[in-house]
């Protein structure tokens, strides 16, 4: 079973920038509504395979993309 994580953002422009950057660099992602267990200023999050969270965080920080946090999703 694949474990997923989400990236939360303050603005939709950061979501769009992240989507473009991660797709360009080959990450498998999906834009999804914020899961119920989280809250954020922006209603959209980026879902990704959790085992990629460290390289994704590194890339976002390197590129100066603002994000609220990166969190694992619970397996329900």
N, C-alpha and C. Protein backbone atom coordinates (compact mmCIF):
# COMPACT_ATOMS: atom_id res chain seq x y z
N UNK A 1 0.84 -1.19 0.00
CA UNK A 1 0.00 0.00 0.00
C UNK A 1 0.88 1.24 0.00
N UNK A 2 0.53 2.18 -0.86
CA UNK A 2 1.30 3.43 -0.95
C UNK A 2 0.87 4.38 0.16
N UNK A 3 1.84 4.93 0.86
CA UNK A 3 1.60 5.95 1.88
C UNK A 3 1.74 7.31 1.21
N UNK A 4 0.76 8.18 1.44
CA UNK A 4 0.78 9.51 0.83
C UNK A 4 1.04 10.59 1.86
N UNK A 5 1.44 11.73 1.37
CA UNK A 5 1.59 12.92 2.18
C UNK A 5 0.96 14.09 1.45
N UNK A 6 0.81 15.21 2.16
CA UNK A 6 0.29 16.42 1.55
C UNK A 6 1.15 17.61 1.91
N UNK A 7 1.17 18.56 1.00
CA UNK A 7 1.83 19.84 1.24
C UNK A 7 0.72 20.87 1.36
N UNK A 8 0.74 21.64 2.45
CA UNK A 8 -0.24 22.70 2.66
C UNK A 8 0.39 24.05 2.36
N UNK A 9 -0.46 24.96 1.92
CA UNK A 9 0.02 26.27 1.46
C UNK A 9 -0.83 27.40 2.03
N UNK A 10 -0.26 28.61 2.00
CA UNK A 10 -0.99 29.81 2.39
C UNK A 10 -1.73 30.42 1.19
N UNK A 11 -1.19 30.21 -0.02
CA UNK A 11 -1.78 30.84 -1.21
C UNK A 11 -1.90 29.86 -2.37
N UNK A 12 -2.87 30.11 -3.23
CA UNK A 12 -3.02 29.26 -4.41
C UNK A 12 -1.88 29.46 -5.40
N UNK A 13 -1.27 30.63 -5.41
CA UNK A 13 -0.14 30.85 -6.31
C UNK A 13 1.04 29.93 -5.94
N UNK A 14 1.22 29.68 -4.65
CA UNK A 14 2.27 28.74 -4.21
C UNK A 14 1.93 27.31 -4.63
N UNK A 15 0.65 26.96 -4.59
CA UNK A 15 0.22 25.63 -5.05
C UNK A 15 0.55 25.46 -6.53
N UNK A 16 0.21 26.45 -7.33
CA UNK A 16 0.44 26.38 -8.77
C UNK A 16 1.95 26.32 -9.09
N UNK A 17 2.72 27.09 -8.37
CA UNK A 17 4.17 27.08 -8.58
C UNK A 17 4.75 25.71 -8.21
N UNK A 18 4.26 25.14 -7.11
CA UNK A 18 4.73 23.82 -6.67
C UNK A 18 4.33 22.75 -7.68
N UNK A 19 3.09 22.80 -8.15
CA UNK A 19 2.64 21.82 -9.13
C UNK A 19 3.55 21.85 -10.37
N UNK A 20 3.80 23.01 -10.89
CA UNK A 20 4.63 23.15 -12.09
C UNK A 20 6.04 22.62 -11.84
N UNK A 21 6.63 22.98 -10.71
CA UNK A 21 7.99 22.58 -10.37
C UNK A 21 8.09 21.06 -10.18
N UNK A 22 7.17 20.48 -9.43
CA UNK A 22 7.25 19.05 -9.14
C UNK A 22 6.96 18.20 -10.38
N UNK A 23 6.00 18.61 -11.20
CA UNK A 23 5.73 17.87 -12.43
C UNK A 23 6.92 17.96 -13.39
N UNK A 24 7.52 19.13 -13.47
CA UNK A 24 8.68 19.34 -14.34
C UNK A 24 9.86 18.46 -13.94
N UNK A 25 10.00 18.19 -12.65
CA UNK A 25 11.12 17.39 -12.16
C UNK A 25 10.76 15.91 -12.00
N UNK A 26 9.56 15.51 -12.44
CA UNK A 26 9.23 14.10 -12.51
C UNK A 26 8.52 13.48 -11.32
N UNK A 27 8.11 14.28 -10.35
CA UNK A 27 7.38 13.73 -9.20
C UNK A 27 5.93 13.44 -9.59
N UNK A 28 5.38 12.35 -9.04
CA UNK A 28 3.97 12.02 -9.23
C UNK A 28 3.19 12.75 -8.15
N UNK A 29 2.35 13.69 -8.55
CA UNK A 29 1.57 14.47 -7.59
C UNK A 29 0.13 14.59 -8.07
N UNK A 30 -0.72 15.07 -7.16
CA UNK A 30 -2.11 15.33 -7.50
C UNK A 30 -2.59 16.49 -6.63
N UNK A 31 -3.29 17.43 -7.23
CA UNK A 31 -3.91 18.51 -6.46
C UNK A 31 -5.19 17.97 -5.86
N UNK A 32 -5.36 18.15 -4.55
CA UNK A 32 -6.53 17.63 -3.84
C UNK A 32 -7.01 18.68 -2.84
N UNK A 33 -8.30 18.61 -2.45
CA UNK A 33 -8.76 19.50 -1.38
C UNK A 33 -8.01 19.18 -0.08
N UNK A 34 -7.93 20.16 0.80
CA UNK A 34 -7.27 19.94 2.09
C UNK A 34 -7.98 18.81 2.83
N UNK A 35 -7.26 17.77 3.27
CA UNK A 35 -7.90 16.71 4.06
C UNK A 35 -8.50 17.26 5.35
N UNK A 36 -9.53 16.64 5.83
CA UNK A 36 -10.26 17.12 7.02
C UNK A 36 -9.41 17.26 8.26
N UNK A 37 -8.40 16.42 8.40
CA UNK A 37 -7.58 16.47 9.62
C UNK A 37 -6.64 17.66 9.66
N UNK A 38 -6.57 18.43 8.57
CA UNK A 38 -5.71 19.60 8.50
C UNK A 38 -6.54 20.85 8.23
N UNK A 39 -5.95 21.99 8.52
CA UNK A 39 -6.56 23.25 8.10
C UNK A 39 -5.46 24.11 7.50
N UNK A 40 -5.86 24.98 6.60
CA UNK A 40 -4.90 25.82 5.90
C UNK A 40 -5.60 27.05 5.37
N UNK A 41 -4.83 28.08 5.06
CA UNK A 41 -5.39 29.29 4.47
C UNK A 41 -5.89 29.05 3.05
N UNK A 42 -5.29 28.09 2.39
CA UNK A 42 -5.62 27.76 1.01
C UNK A 42 -6.41 26.45 1.01
N UNK A 43 -7.39 26.32 0.14
CA UNK A 43 -8.23 25.12 0.12
C UNK A 43 -7.69 23.97 -0.69
N UNK A 44 -6.51 24.14 -1.29
CA UNK A 44 -5.93 23.12 -2.15
C UNK A 44 -4.61 22.65 -1.56
N UNK A 45 -4.36 21.35 -1.65
CA UNK A 45 -3.07 20.81 -1.23
C UNK A 45 -2.49 19.96 -2.36
N UNK A 46 -1.24 19.62 -2.23
CA UNK A 46 -0.57 18.75 -3.19
C UNK A 46 -0.33 17.40 -2.51
N UNK A 47 -0.88 16.34 -3.11
CA UNK A 47 -0.66 14.99 -2.58
C UNK A 47 0.49 14.34 -3.33
N UNK A 48 1.30 13.57 -2.61
CA UNK A 48 2.45 12.92 -3.21
C UNK A 48 2.75 11.64 -2.44
N UNK A 49 3.61 10.79 -3.00
CA UNK A 49 4.02 9.57 -2.32
C UNK A 49 4.97 9.94 -1.19
N UNK A 50 4.63 9.51 0.04
CA UNK A 50 5.34 9.94 1.24
C UNK A 50 6.84 9.64 1.20
N UNK A 51 7.25 8.57 0.56
CA UNK A 51 8.68 8.26 0.55
C UNK A 51 9.50 9.30 -0.21
N UNK A 52 8.84 10.24 -0.86
CA UNK A 52 9.53 11.31 -1.58
C UNK A 52 9.53 12.64 -0.80
N UNK A 53 9.09 12.63 0.46
CA UNK A 53 8.94 13.90 1.18
C UNK A 53 10.25 14.65 1.39
N UNK A 54 11.35 13.96 1.61
CA UNK A 54 12.61 14.67 1.84
C UNK A 54 13.12 15.36 0.57
N UNK A 55 13.18 14.67 -0.59
CA UNK A 55 13.62 15.41 -1.78
C UNK A 55 12.65 16.51 -2.20
N UNK A 56 11.36 16.34 -1.95
CA UNK A 56 10.39 17.38 -2.27
C UNK A 56 10.61 18.60 -1.39
N UNK A 57 10.78 18.38 -0.08
CA UNK A 57 11.05 19.51 0.84
C UNK A 57 12.32 20.24 0.40
N UNK A 58 13.36 19.48 0.11
CA UNK A 58 14.63 20.08 -0.30
C UNK A 58 14.44 20.95 -1.55
N UNK A 59 13.74 20.42 -2.54
CA UNK A 59 13.52 21.15 -3.79
C UNK A 59 12.72 22.44 -3.55
N UNK A 60 11.64 22.34 -2.77
CA UNK A 60 10.82 23.53 -2.50
C UNK A 60 11.61 24.60 -1.75
N UNK A 61 12.41 24.17 -0.77
CA UNK A 61 13.22 25.14 -0.03
C UNK A 61 14.30 25.75 -0.92
N UNK A 62 14.92 24.92 -1.75
CA UNK A 62 15.95 25.41 -2.67
C UNK A 62 15.40 26.44 -3.64
N UNK A 63 14.17 26.21 -4.12
CA UNK A 63 13.54 27.10 -5.09
C UNK A 63 12.81 28.27 -4.44
N UNK A 64 12.79 28.32 -3.11
CA UNK A 64 12.15 29.42 -2.40
C UNK A 64 10.64 29.43 -2.45
N UNK A 65 10.05 28.25 -2.60
CA UNK A 65 8.58 28.15 -2.63
C UNK A 65 8.06 28.18 -1.19
N UNK A 66 7.10 29.08 -0.93
CA UNK A 66 6.52 29.16 0.41
C UNK A 66 5.44 28.10 0.58
N UNK A 67 5.55 27.34 1.67
CA UNK A 67 4.54 26.35 2.00
C UNK A 67 4.34 26.33 3.51
N UNK A 68 3.17 25.91 3.91
CA UNK A 68 2.82 25.88 5.33
C UNK A 68 3.43 24.68 6.04
N UNK A 69 3.40 23.53 5.39
CA UNK A 69 3.96 22.33 5.99
C UNK A 69 3.78 21.12 5.10
N UNK A 70 4.53 20.07 5.42
CA UNK A 70 4.45 18.79 4.72
C UNK A 70 4.10 17.74 5.75
N UNK A 71 3.01 17.00 5.50
CA UNK A 71 2.49 16.07 6.50
C UNK A 71 2.13 14.72 5.89
N UNK A 72 2.33 13.64 6.66
CA UNK A 72 1.87 12.32 6.18
C UNK A 72 0.36 12.22 6.33
N UNK A 73 -0.26 11.48 5.43
CA UNK A 73 -1.69 11.19 5.54
C UNK A 73 -1.86 9.87 6.27
N UNK A 74 -2.83 9.80 7.12
CA UNK A 74 -3.09 8.56 7.84
C UNK A 74 -3.73 7.55 6.90
N UNK A 75 -3.41 6.29 7.10
CA UNK A 75 -4.00 5.20 6.30
C UNK A 75 -5.30 4.77 6.94
N UNK A 76 -6.41 5.22 6.40
CA UNK A 76 -7.73 4.85 6.96
C UNK A 76 -8.43 3.92 6.04
